[in-house]
Amino acid sequence: MLITTNTTHAANASLFKKLPYDPIKDFAPVSLIAKVDWSWWCRQTARCRRCQT
């Protein structure tokens, strides 16, 4: 696997009863490829007024 996200490991552990690998022990991060900031955009007429995390 060259590039993957953490969702791959989370989903596979839940979707498959038995995996041929241990998603925690068999993989290690090698380097950070990118860091992306998130932004939320909506119309002024949208119902939402503020975003809470």
C-alpha atoms as a PDB file:
ATOM      1  CA  MET A   1       0.000   0.000   0.000  1.00  0.00           C
ATOM      2  CA  LEU A   2       1.591   3.233  -1.036  1.00  0.00           C
ATOM      3  CA  ILE A   3      -0.930   5.790   0.147  1.00  0.00           C
ATOM      4  CA  THR A   4      -3.911   5.197   2.407  1.00  0.00           C
ATOM      5  CA  THR A   5      -6.011   6.960   4.990  1.00  0.00           C
ATOM      6  CA  ASN A   6      -6.949   5.954   8.494  1.00  0.00           C
ATOM      7  CA  THR A   7     -10.500   5.183   7.345  1.00  0.00           C
ATOM      8  CA  THR A   8      -9.204   2.118   5.513  1.00  0.00           C
ATOM      9  CA  HIS A   9      -8.069   0.547   8.757  1.00  0.00           C
ATOM     10  CA  ALA A  10     -11.168   1.550  10.699  1.00  0.00           C
ATOM     11  CA  ALA A  11     -13.598   0.283   8.067  1.00  0.00           C
ATOM     12  CA  ASN A  12     -11.823  -3.003   7.335  1.00  0.00           C
ATOM     13  CA  ALA A  13     -11.701  -3.966  11.000  1.00  0.00           C
ATOM     14  CA  SER A  14     -15.468  -3.459  11.203  1.00  0.00           C
ATOM     15  CA  LEU A  15     -16.449  -4.938   7.837  1.00  0.00           C
ATOM     16  CA  PHE A  16     -14.453  -8.174   7.876  1.00  0.00           C
ATOM     17  CA  LYS A  17     -14.505 -10.786  10.625  1.00  0.00           C
ATOM     18  CA  LYS A  18     -10.978 -11.999   9.984  1.00  0.00           C
ATOM     19  CA  LEU A  19      -8.253 -10.014   8.267  1.00  0.00           C
ATOM     20  CA  PRO A  20      -4.993 -11.546   7.014  1.00  0.00           C
ATOM     21  CA  TYR A  21      -3.145  -8.762   8.833  1.00  0.00           C
ATOM     22  CA  ASP A  22      -3.349  -6.778  12.044  1.00  0.00           C
ATOM     23  CA  PRO A  23      -4.279  -3.208  11.062  1.00  0.00           C
ATOM     24  CA  ILE A  24      -2.571  -1.778  14.152  1.00  0.00           C
ATOM     25  CA  LYS A  25       0.615  -3.844  14.427  1.00  0.00           C
ATOM     26  CA  ASP A  26       1.379  -4.463  10.744  1.00  0.00           C
ATOM     27  CA  PHE A  27       1.403  -0.835   9.574  1.00  0.00           C
ATOM     28  CA  ALA A  28       3.490   2.118  10.640  1.00  0.00           C
ATOM     29  CA  PRO A  29       3.419   5.702   9.380  1.00  0.00           C
ATOM     30  CA  VAL A  30       6.483   6.511   7.323  1.00  0.00           C
ATOM     31  CA  SER A  31       6.044  10.189   6.529  1.00  0.00           C
ATOM     32  CA  LEU A  32       3.490  12.958   6.304  1.00  0.00           C
ATOM     33  CA  ILE A  33       2.562  13.635   2.694  1.00  0.00           C
ATOM     34  CA  ALA A  34       0.172  16.535   3.089  1.00  0.00           C
ATOM     35  CA  LYS A  35      -1.702  18.520   5.668  1.00  0.00           C
ATOM     36  CA  VAL A  36      -5.002  20.002   4.571  1.00  0.00           C
ATOM     37  CA  ASP A  37      -7.037  22.646   6.327  1.00  0.00           C
ATOM     38  CA  TRP A  38     -10.803  22.333   6.173  1.00  0.00           C
ATOM     39  CA  SER A  39     -13.172  25.130   5.381  1.00  0.00           C
ATOM     40  CA  TRP A  40     -16.965  25.160   5.408  1.00  0.00           C
ATOM     41  CA  TRP A  41     -18.981  27.259   3.007  1.00  0.00           C
ATOM     42  CA  CYS A  42     -22.731  27.750   2.816  1.00  0.00           C
ATOM     43  CA  ARG A  43     -25.247  30.161   1.401  1.00  0.00           C
ATOM     44  CA  GLN A  44     -26.514  33.016   3.542  1.00  0.00           C
ATOM     45  CA  THR A  45     -30.015  31.580   3.166  1.00  0.00           C
ATOM     46  CA  ALA A  46     -28.992  28.221   4.610  1.00  0.00           C
ATOM     47  CA  ARG A  47     -30.527  27.167   7.928  1.00  0.00           C
ATOM     48  CA  CYS A  48     -27.208  26.723   9.691  1.00  0.00           C
ATOM     49  CA  ARG A  49     -25.792  29.807  11.356  1.00  0.00           C
ATOM     50  CA  ARG A  50     -22.742  28.440  13.164  1.00  0.00           C
ATOM     51  CA  CYS A  51     -20.634  25.322  13.153  1.00  0.00           C
ATOM     52  CA  GLN A  52     -19.810  23.552  16.395  1.00  0.00           C
ATOM     53  CA  THR A  53     -17.294  20.771  16.862  1.00  0.00           C
END
